[in-house]
Amino acid sequence: MKNRILYTTTVMFIAVVILQVSCATPKYVTEKSGAQLWGESCVRCHNIASPATFSDVQWDVAVKHMEFRAQLTKEEAEKIVEFLKSAN
């Protein structure tokens, strides 16, 4: 019984560690600025608009929508919104 509990605990611990490592944000994302991510992610499908084109609220909505469509991570989307609001 003790061996089974030890085995189960060990397997669960390893699974949690693997899950945490796999969910970490890739290094290439953390090193990029919001402006870089905006240019790389948005220019693929859109003409680059001036950040002043939309209000802060409109950028929140647009980037939230594009987070799904452009497959942006939450961190990428946050950096892009932060850049757009600062340049707005």
PDB file of N, CA and C in Angstrom:
ATOM      1  N   MET A   1       0.828  -1.197   0.000  1.00  0.00           N
ATOM      2  CA  MET A   1       0.000   0.000   0.000  1.00  0.00           C
ATOM      3  C   MET A   1       0.871   1.259   0.000  1.00  0.00           C
ATOM      4  N   LYS A   2       1.935   1.261   0.824  1.00  0.00           N
ATOM      5  CA  LYS A   2       2.827   2.415   0.866  1.00  0.00           C
ATOM      6  C   LYS A   2       3.493   2.636  -0.487  1.00  0.00           C
ATOM      7  N   ASN A   3       3.882   1.539  -1.133  1.00  0.00           N
ATOM      8  CA  ASN A   3       4.526   1.656  -2.441  1.00  0.00           C
ATOM      9  C   ASN A   3       3.572   2.250  -3.473  1.00  0.00           C
ATOM     10  N   ARG A   4       2.333   1.862  -3.392  1.00  0.00           N
ATOM     11  CA  ARG A   4       1.346   2.377  -4.340  1.00  0.00           C
ATOM     12  C   ARG A   4       1.123   3.879  -4.139  1.00  0.00           C
ATOM     13  N   ILE A   5       1.036   4.310  -2.895  1.00  0.00           N
ATOM     14  CA  ILE A   5       0.869   5.730  -2.586  1.00  0.00           C
ATOM     15  C   ILE A   5       2.100   6.510  -3.045  1.00  0.00           C
ATOM     16  N   LEU A   6       3.277   5.986  -2.772  1.00  0.00           N
ATOM     17  CA  LEU A   6       4.516   6.637  -3.189  1.00  0.00           C
ATOM     18  C   LEU A   6       4.589   6.734  -4.710  1.00  0.00           C
ATOM     19  N   TYR A   7       4.238   5.657  -5.386  1.00  0.00           N
ATOM     20  CA  TYR A   7       4.250   5.638  -6.852  1.00  0.00           C
ATOM     21  C   TYR A   7       3.270   6.674  -7.412  1.00  0.00           C
ATOM     22  N   THR A   8       2.059   6.703  -6.883  1.00  0.00           N
ATOM     23  CA  THR A   8       1.034   7.637  -7.352  1.00  0.00           C
ATOM     24  C   THR A   8       1.464   9.082  -7.108  1.00  0.00           C
ATOM     25  N   THR A   9       2.009   9.348  -5.943  1.00  0.00           N
ATOM     26  CA  THR A   9       2.482  10.691  -5.620  1.00  0.00           C
ATOM     27  C   THR A   9       3.605  11.119  -6.549  1.00  0.00           C
ATOM     28  N   THR A  10       4.525  10.225  -6.824  1.00  0.00           N
ATOM     29  CA  THR A  10       5.644  10.527  -7.718  1.00  0.00           C
ATOM     30  C   THR A  10       5.154  10.815  -9.133  1.00  0.00           C
ATOM     31  N   VAL A  11       4.255   9.993  -9.625  1.00  0.00           N
ATOM     32  CA  VAL A  11       3.714  10.193 -10.968  1.00  0.00           C
ATOM     33  C   VAL A  11       2.972  11.528 -11.052  1.00  0.00           C
ATOM     34  N   MET A  12       2.192  11.849 -10.049  1.00  0.00           N
ATOM     35  CA  MET A  12       1.459  13.117 -10.042  1.00  0.00           C
ATOM     36  C   MET A  12       2.424  14.304 -10.009  1.00  0.00           C
ATOM     37  N   PHE A  13       3.473  14.211  -9.219  1.00  0.00           N
ATOM     38  CA  PHE A  13       4.464  15.281  -9.136  1.00  0.00           C
ATOM     39  C   PHE A  13       5.131  15.504 -10.492  1.00  0.00           C
ATOM     40  N   ILE A  14       5.533  14.431 -11.131  1.00  0.00           N
ATOM     41  CA  ILE A  14       6.179  14.529 -12.446  1.00  0.00           C
ATOM     42  C   ILE A  14       5.214  15.130 -13.468  1.00  0.00           C
ATOM     43  N   ALA A  15       3.957  14.732 -13.416  1.00  0.00           N
ATOM     44  CA  ALA A  15       2.959  15.271 -14.346  1.00  0.00           C
ATOM     45  C   ALA A  15       2.772  16.775 -14.146  1.00  0.00           C
ATOM     46  N   VAL A  16       2.743  17.218 -12.906  1.00  0.00           N
ATOM     47  CA  VAL A  16       2.592  18.646 -12.617  1.00  0.00           C
ATOM     48  C   VAL A  16       3.803  19.426 -13.120  1.00  0.00           C
ATOM     49  N   VAL A  17       4.996  18.898 -12.902  1.00  0.00           N
ATOM     50  CA  VAL A  17       6.214  19.565 -13.375  1.00  0.00           C
ATOM     51  C   VAL A  17       6.206  19.676 -14.896  1.00  0.00           C
ATOM     52  N   ILE A  18       5.864  18.605 -15.571  1.00  0.00           N
ATOM     53  CA  ILE A  18       5.812  18.625 -17.042  1.00  0.00           C
ATOM     54  C   ILE A  18       4.769  19.631 -17.523  1.00  0.00           C
ATOM     55  N   LEU A  19       3.631  19.672 -16.881  1.00  0.00           N
ATOM     56  CA  LEU A  19       2.579  20.610 -17.265  1.00  0.00           C
ATOM     57  C   LEU A  19       3.035  22.050 -17.092  1.00  0.00           C
ATOM     58  N   GLN A  20       3.696  22.354 -15.998  1.00  0.00           N
ATOM     59  CA  GLN A  20       4.176  23.718 -15.767  1.00  0.00           C
ATOM     60  C   GLN A  20       5.218  24.126 -16.800  1.00  0.00           C
ATOM     61  N   VAL A  21       6.114  23.241 -17.131  1.00  0.00           N
ATOM     62  CA  VAL A  21       7.160  23.553 -18.103  1.00  0.00           C
ATOM     63  C   VAL A  21       6.558  23.746 -19.485  1.00  0.00           C
ATOM     64  N   SER A  22       5.591  22.926 -19.839  1.00  0.00           N
ATOM     65  CA  SER A  22       4.993  23.029 -21.172  1.00  0.00           C
ATOM     66  C   SER A  22       4.129  24.274 -21.323  1.00  0.00           C
ATOM     67  N   CYS A  23       3.645  24.832 -20.228  1.00  0.00           N
ATOM     68  CA  CYS A  23       2.805  26.024 -20.289  1.00  0.00           C
ATOM     69  C   CYS A  23       3.602  27.321 -20.197  1.00  0.00           C
ATOM     70  N   ALA A  24       4.891  27.236 -20.032  1.00  0.00           N
ATOM     71  CA  ALA A  24       5.714  28.436 -19.936  1.00  0.00           C
ATOM     72  C   ALA A  24       5.730  29.173 -21.271  1.00  0.00           C
ATOM     73  N   THR A  25       5.766  30.488 -21.193  1.00  0.00           N
ATOM     74  CA  THR A  25       5.818  31.304 -22.407  1.00  0.00           C
ATOM     75  C   THR A  25       7.173  31.131 -23.069  1.00  0.00           C
ATOM     76  N   PRO A  26       7.184  30.899 -24.379  1.00  0.00           N
ATOM     77  CA  PRO A  26       8.460  30.727 -25.074  1.00  0.00           C
ATOM     78  C   PRO A  26       9.355  31.952 -24.925  1.00  0.00           C
ATOM     79  N   LYS A  27      10.649  31.724 -24.892  1.00  0.00           N
ATOM     80  CA  LYS A  27      11.617  32.792 -24.682  1.00  0.00           C
ATOM     81  C   LYS A  27      11.525  33.853 -25.769  1.00  0.00           C
ATOM     82  N   TYR A  28      11.281  33.427 -27.015  1.00  0.00           N
ATOM     83  CA  TYR A  28      11.232  34.398 -28.106  1.00  0.00           C
ATOM     84  C   TYR A  28      10.116  35.415 -27.925  1.00  0.00           C
ATOM     85  N   VAL A  29       9.062  35.055 -27.208  1.00  0.00           N
ATOM     86  CA  VAL A  29       7.956  35.984 -26.977  1.00  0.00           C
ATOM     87  C   VAL A  29       8.323  36.980 -25.889  1.00  0.00           C
ATOM     88  N   THR A  30       8.952  36.518 -24.836  1.00  0.00           N
ATOM     89  CA  THR A  30       9.271  37.401 -23.722  1.00  0.00           C
ATOM     90  C   THR A  30      10.318  38.434 -24.095  1.00  0.00           C
ATOM     91  N   GLU A  31      11.129  38.157 -25.100  1.00  0.00           N
ATOM     92  CA  GLU A  31      12.176  39.089 -25.502  1.00  0.00           C
ATOM     93  C   GLU A  31      11.673  40.151 -26.474  1.00  0.00           C
ATOM     94  N   LYS A  32      10.518  39.960 -27.068  1.00  0.00           N
ATOM     95  CA  LYS A  32      10.014  40.894 -28.074  1.00  0.00           C
ATOM     96  C   LYS A  32       9.159  41.978 -27.428  1.00  0.00           C
ATOM     97  N   SER A  33       9.241  43.155 -27.998  1.00  0.00           N
ATOM     98  CA  SER A  33       8.419  44.264 -27.518  1.00  0.00           C
ATOM     99  C   SER A  33       7.029  44.178 -28.145  1.00  0.00           C
ATOM    100  N   GLY A  34       6.117  44.959 -27.594  1.00  0.00           N
ATOM    101  CA  GLY A  34       4.770  45.003 -28.153  1.00  0.00           C
ATOM    102  C   GLY A  34       4.767  45.511 -29.585  1.00  0.00           C
ATOM    103  N   ALA A  35       5.657  46.466 -29.878  1.00  0.00           N
ATOM    104  CA  ALA A  35       5.745  47.007 -31.238  1.00  0.00           C
ATOM    105  C   ALA A  35       6.209  45.937 -32.218  1.00  0.00           C
ATOM    106  N   GLN A  36       7.190  45.131 -31.817  1.00  0.00           N
ATOM    107  CA  GLN A  36       7.671  44.053 -32.689  1.00  0.00           C
ATOM    108  C   GLN A  36       6.570  43.031 -32.936  1.00  0.00           C
ATOM    109  N   LEU A  37       5.907  42.625 -31.868  1.00  0.00           N
ATOM    110  CA  LEU A  37       4.835  41.638 -31.999  1.00  0.00           C
ATOM    111  C   LEU A  37       3.704  42.180 -32.867  1.00  0.00           C
ATOM    112  N   TRP A  38       3.374  43.449 -32.694  1.00  0.00           N
ATOM    113  CA  TRP A  38       2.320  44.087 -33.486  1.00  0.00           C
ATOM    114  C   TRP A  38       2.691  44.067 -34.960  1.00  0.00           C
ATOM    115  N   GLY A  39       3.915  44.470 -35.263  1.00  0.00           N
ATOM    116  CA  GLY A  39       4.359  44.481 -36.648  1.00  0.00           C
ATOM    117  C   GLY A  39       4.386  43.096 -37.268  1.00  0.00           C
ATOM    118  N   GLU A  40       4.873  42.121 -36.526  1.00  0.00           N
ATOM    119  CA  GLU A  40       4.988  40.762 -37.058  1.00  0.00           C
ATOM    120  C   GLU A  40       3.640  40.055 -37.155  1.00  0.00           C
ATOM    121  N   SER A  41       2.789  40.271 -36.178  1.00  0.00           N
ATOM    122  CA  SER A  41       1.525  39.531 -36.128  1.00  0.00           C
ATOM    123  C   SER A  41       0.437  40.154 -36.991  1.00  0.00           C
ATOM    124  N   CYS A  42       0.368  41.465 -37.011  1.00  0.00           N
ATOM    125  CA  CYS A  42      -0.755  42.129 -37.673  1.00  0.00           C
ATOM    126  C   CYS A  42      -0.519  42.358 -39.162  1.00  0.00           C
ATOM    127  N   VAL A  43       0.740  42.572 -39.538  1.00  0.00           N
ATOM    128  CA  VAL A  43       1.045  42.888 -40.933  1.00  0.00           C
ATOM    129  C   VAL A  43       0.822  41.684 -41.847  1.00  0.00           C
ATOM    130  N   ARG A  44       0.748  40.505 -41.283  1.00  0.00           N
ATOM    131  CA  ARG A  44       0.501  39.313 -42.102  1.00  0.00           C
ATOM    132  C   ARG A  44      -0.814  39.412 -42.856  1.00  0.00           C
ATOM    133  N   CYS A  45      -1.807  40.018 -42.222  1.00  0.00           N
ATOM    134  CA  CYS A  45      -3.139  40.067 -42.833  1.00  0.00           C
ATOM    135  C   CYS A  45      -3.669  41.479 -43.053  1.00  0.00           C
ATOM    136  N   HIS A  46      -3.120  42.463 -42.363  1.00  0.00           N
ATOM    137  CA  HIS A  46      -3.650  43.827 -42.412  1.00  0.00           C
ATOM    138  C   HIS A  46      -2.576  44.807 -42.851  1.00  0.00           C
ATOM    139  N   ASN A  47      -3.038  45.930 -43.408  1.00  0.00           N
ATOM    140  CA  ASN A  47      -2.146  47.074 -43.549  1.00  0.00           C
ATOM    141  C   ASN A  47      -1.975  47.643 -42.147  1.00  0.00           C
ATOM    142  N   ILE A  48      -0.776  48.015 -41.801  1.00  0.00           N
ATOM    143  CA  ILE A  48      -0.537  48.530 -40.458  1.00  0.00           C
ATOM    144  C   ILE A  48      -1.246  49.875 -40.303  1.00  0.00           C
ATOM    145  N   ALA A  49      -2.133  49.930 -39.331  1.00  0.00           N
ATOM    146  CA  ALA A  49      -2.858  51.160 -39.027  1.00  0.00           C
ATOM    147  C   ALA A  49      -2.099  51.914 -37.942  1.00  0.00           C
ATOM    148  N   SER A  50      -2.273  53.199 -37.916  1.00  0.00           N
ATOM    149  CA  SER A  50      -1.681  54.005 -36.854  1.00  0.00           C
ATOM    150  C   SER A  50      -2.341  53.624 -35.532  1.00  0.00           C
ATOM    151  N   PRO A  51      -1.589  53.566 -34.445  1.00  0.00           N
ATOM    152  CA  PRO A  51      -2.213  53.279 -33.149  1.00  0.00           C
ATOM    153  C   PRO A  51      -3.299  54.290 -32.787  1.00  0.00           C
ATOM    154  N   ALA A  52      -3.225  55.494 -33.349  1.00  0.00           N
ATOM    155  CA  ALA A  52      -4.229  56.518 -33.064  1.00  0.00           C
ATOM    156  C   ALA A  52      -5.538  56.278 -33.815  1.00  0.00           C
ATOM    157  N   THR A  53      -5.564  55.272 -34.677  1.00  0.00           N
ATOM    158  CA  THR A  53      -6.768  54.979 -35.457  1.00  0.00           C
ATOM    159  C   THR A  53      -7.947  54.617 -34.558  1.00  0.00           C
ATOM    160  N   PHE A  54      -7.677  53.902 -33.474  1.00  0.00           N
ATOM    161  CA  PHE A  54      -8.731  53.454 -32.572  1.00  0.00           C
ATOM    162  C   PHE A  54      -8.461  53.933 -31.155  1.00  0.00           C
ATOM    163  N   SER A  55      -9.515  53.985 -30.349  1.00  0.00           N
ATOM    164  CA  SER A  55      -9.379  54.338 -28.936  1.00  0.00           C
ATOM    165  C   SER A  55      -8.840  53.134 -28.166  1.00  0.00           C
ATOM    166  N   ASP A  56      -8.479  53.363 -26.913  1.00  0.00           N
ATOM    167  CA  ASP A  56      -7.974  52.270 -26.076  1.00  0.00           C
ATOM    168  C   ASP A  56      -8.982  51.131 -25.972  1.00  0.00           C
ATOM    169  N   VAL A  57     -10.244  51.475 -25.794  1.00  0.00           N
ATOM    170  CA  VAL A  57     -11.294  50.455 -25.671  1.00  0.00           C
ATOM    171  C   VAL A  57     -11.431  49.673 -26.975  1.00  0.00           C
ATOM    172  N   GLN A  58     -11.377  50.375 -28.094  1.00  0.00           N
ATOM    173  CA  GLN A  58     -11.485  49.699 -29.386  1.00  0.00           C
ATOM    174  C   GLN A  58     -10.294  48.770 -29.624  1.00  0.00           C
ATOM    175  N   TRP A  59      -9.091  49.192 -29.212  1.00  0.00           N
ATOM    176  CA  TRP A  59      -7.923  48.314 -29.359  1.00  0.00           C
ATOM    177  C   TRP A  59      -8.071  47.077 -28.482  1.00  0.00           C
ATOM    178  N   ASP A  60      -8.611  47.258 -27.263  1.00  0.00           N
ATOM    179  CA  ASP A  60      -8.844  46.097 -26.388  1.00  0.00           C
ATOM    180  C   ASP A  60      -9.714  45.064 -27.094  1.00  0.00           C
ATOM    181  N   VAL A  61     -10.803  45.530 -27.686  1.00  0.00           N
ATOM    182  CA  VAL A  61     -11.739  44.631 -28.365  1.00  0.00           C
ATOM    183  C   VAL A  61     -11.088  43.998 -29.592  1.00  0.00           C
ATOM    184  N   ALA A  62     -10.413  44.808 -30.394  1.00  0.00           N
ATOM    185  CA  ALA A  62      -9.798  44.300 -31.625  1.00  0.00           C
ATOM    186  C   ALA A  62      -8.730  43.250 -31.328  1.00  0.00           C
ATOM    187  N   VAL A  63      -7.882  43.530 -30.353  1.00  0.00           N
ATOM    188  CA  VAL A  63      -6.803  42.580 -30.039  1.00  0.00           C
ATOM    189  C   VAL A  63      -7.374  41.328 -29.394  1.00  0.00           C
ATOM    190  N   LYS A  64      -8.398  41.471 -28.571  1.00  0.00           N
ATOM    191  CA  LYS A  64      -9.039  40.294 -27.973  1.00  0.00           C
ATOM    192  C   LYS A  64      -9.603  39.399 -29.074  1.00  0.00           C
ATOM    193  N   HIS A  65     -10.220  39.997 -30.061  1.00  0.00           N
ATOM    194  CA  HIS A  65     -10.759  39.247 -31.200  1.00  0.00           C
ATOM    195  C   HIS A  65      -9.622  38.567 -31.960  1.00  0.00           C
ATOM    196  N   MET A  66      -8.550  39.287 -32.191  1.00  0.00           N
ATOM    197  CA  MET A  66      -7.443  38.751 -32.976  1.00  0.00           C
ATOM    198  C   MET A  66      -6.590  37.763 -32.178  1.00  0.00           C
ATOM    199  N   GLU A  67      -6.681  37.809 -30.859  1.00  0.00           N
ATOM    200  CA  GLU A  67      -5.961  36.830 -30.034  1.00  0.00           C
ATOM    201  C   GLU A  67      -6.356  35.421 -30.461  1.00  0.00           C
ATOM    202  N   PHE A  68      -7.627  35.230 -30.732  1.00  0.00           N
ATOM    203  CA  PHE A  68      -8.120  33.932 -31.183  1.00  0.00           C
ATOM    204  C   PHE A  68      -7.799  33.709 -32.656  1.00  0.00           C
ATOM    205  N   ARG A  69      -8.132  34.682 -33.490  1.00  0.00           N
ATOM    206  CA  ARG A  69      -7.985  34.509 -34.939  1.00  0.00           C
ATOM    207  C   ARG A  69      -6.532  34.389 -35.385  1.00  0.00           C
ATOM    208  N   ALA A  70      -5.636  35.151 -34.765  1.00  0.00           N
ATOM    209  CA  ALA A  70      -4.220  35.126 -35.151  1.00  0.00           C
ATOM    210  C   ALA A  70      -3.412  34.180 -34.272  1.00  0.00           C
ATOM    211  N   GLN A  71      -4.109  33.495 -33.379  1.00  0.00           N
ATOM    212  CA  GLN A  71      -3.475  32.535 -32.474  1.00  0.00           C
ATOM    213  C   GLN A  71      -2.354  33.185 -31.666  1.00  0.00           C
ATOM    214  N   LEU A  72      -2.674  34.343 -31.078  1.00  0.00           N
ATOM    215  CA  LEU A  72      -1.730  35.025 -30.206  1.00  0.00           C
ATOM    216  C   LEU A  72      -1.841  34.448 -28.809  1.00  0.00           C
ATOM    217  N   THR A  73      -0.727  34.387 -28.108  1.00  0.00           N
ATOM    218  CA  THR A  73      -0.789  33.988 -26.707  1.00  0.00           C
ATOM    219  C   THR A  73      -1.319  35.171 -25.908  1.00  0.00           C
ATOM    220  N   LYS A  74      -1.737  34.909 -24.691  1.00  0.00           N
ATOM    221  CA  LYS A  74      -2.243  35.978 -23.833  1.00  0.00           C
ATOM    222  C   LYS A  74      -1.158  37.030 -23.612  1.00  0.00           C
ATOM    223  N   GLU A  75       0.076  36.579 -23.404  1.00  0.00           N
ATOM    224  CA  GLU A  75       1.178  37.521 -23.178  1.00  0.00           C
ATOM    225  C   GLU A  75       1.447  38.374 -24.419  1.00  0.00           C
ATOM    226  N   GLU A  76       1.396  37.767 -25.595  1.00  0.00           N
ATOM    227  CA  GLU A  76       1.593  38.524 -26.837  1.00  0.00           C
ATOM    228  C   GLU A  76       0.507  39.584 -26.984  1.00  0.00           C
ATOM    229  N   ALA A  77      -0.735  39.192 -26.756  1.00  0.00           N
ATOM    230  CA  ALA A  77      -1.856  40.126 -26.876  1.00  0.00           C
ATOM    231  C   ALA A  77      -1.718  41.272 -25.880  1.00  0.00           C
ATOM    232  N   GLU A  78      -1.315  40.966 -24.651  1.00  0.00           N
ATOM    233  CA  GLU A  78      -1.145  42.008 -23.637  1.00  0.00           C
ATOM    234  C   GLU A  78      -0.053  42.995 -24.039  1.00  0.00           C
ATOM    235  N   LYS A  79       1.055  42.478 -24.575  1.00  0.00           N
ATOM    236  CA  LYS A  79       2.139  43.363 -25.012  1.00  0.00           C
ATOM    237  C   LYS A  79       1.697  44.251 -26.169  1.00  0.00           C
ATOM    238  N   ILE A  80       0.951  43.685 -27.098  1.00  0.00           N
ATOM    239  CA  ILE A  80       0.473  44.463 -28.243  1.00  0.00           C
ATOM    240  C   ILE A  80      -0.475  45.563 -27.777  1.00  0.00           C
ATOM    241  N   VAL A  81      -1.421  45.233 -26.907  1.00  0.00           N
ATOM    242  CA  VAL A  81      -2.372  46.231 -26.400  1.00  0.00           C
ATOM    243  C   VAL A  81      -1.631  47.320 -25.629  1.00  0.00           C
ATOM    244  N   GLU A  82      -0.674  46.924 -24.815  1.00  0.00           N
ATOM    245  CA  GLU A  82       0.106  47.901 -24.048  1.00  0.00           C
ATOM    246  C   GLU A  82       0.816  48.881 -24.992  1.00  0.00           C
ATOM    247  N   PHE A  83       1.410  48.347 -26.051  1.00  0.00           N
ATOM    248  CA  PHE A  83       2.074  49.209 -27.032  1.00  0.00           C
ATOM    249  C   PHE A  83       1.078  50.144 -27.704  1.00  0.00           C
ATOM    250  N   LEU A  84      -0.038  49.599 -28.165  1.00  0.00           N
ATOM    251  CA  LEU A  84      -1.020  50.408 -28.883  1.00  0.00           C
ATOM    252  C   LEU A  84      -1.584  51.520 -28.006  1.00  0.00           C
ATOM    253  N   LYS A  85      -1.826  51.218 -26.738  1.00  0.00           N
ATOM    254  CA  LYS A  85      -2.351  52.233 -25.828  1.00  0.00           C
ATOM    255  C   LYS A  85      -1.309  53.308 -25.530  1.00  0.00           C
ATOM    256  N   SER A  86      -0.055  52.911 -25.427  1.00  0.00           N
ATOM    257  CA  SER A  86       0.992  53.900 -25.141  1.00  0.00           C
ATOM    258  C   SER A  86       1.250  54.797 -26.346  1.00  0.00           C
ATOM    259  N   ALA A  87       1.034  54.276 -27.543  1.00  0.00           N
ATOM    260  CA  ALA A  87       1.263  55.052 -28.766  1.00  0.00           C
ATOM    261  C   ALA A  87       0.006  55.786 -29.217  1.00  0.00           C
ATOM    262  N   ASN A  88      -1.100  55.538 -28.560  1.00  0.00           N
ATOM    263  CA  ASN A  88      -2.390  56.099 -28.949  1.00  0.00           C
ATOM    264  C   ASN A  88      -2.505  57.543 -28.499  1.00  0.00           C
TER     265      ASN A  88
END
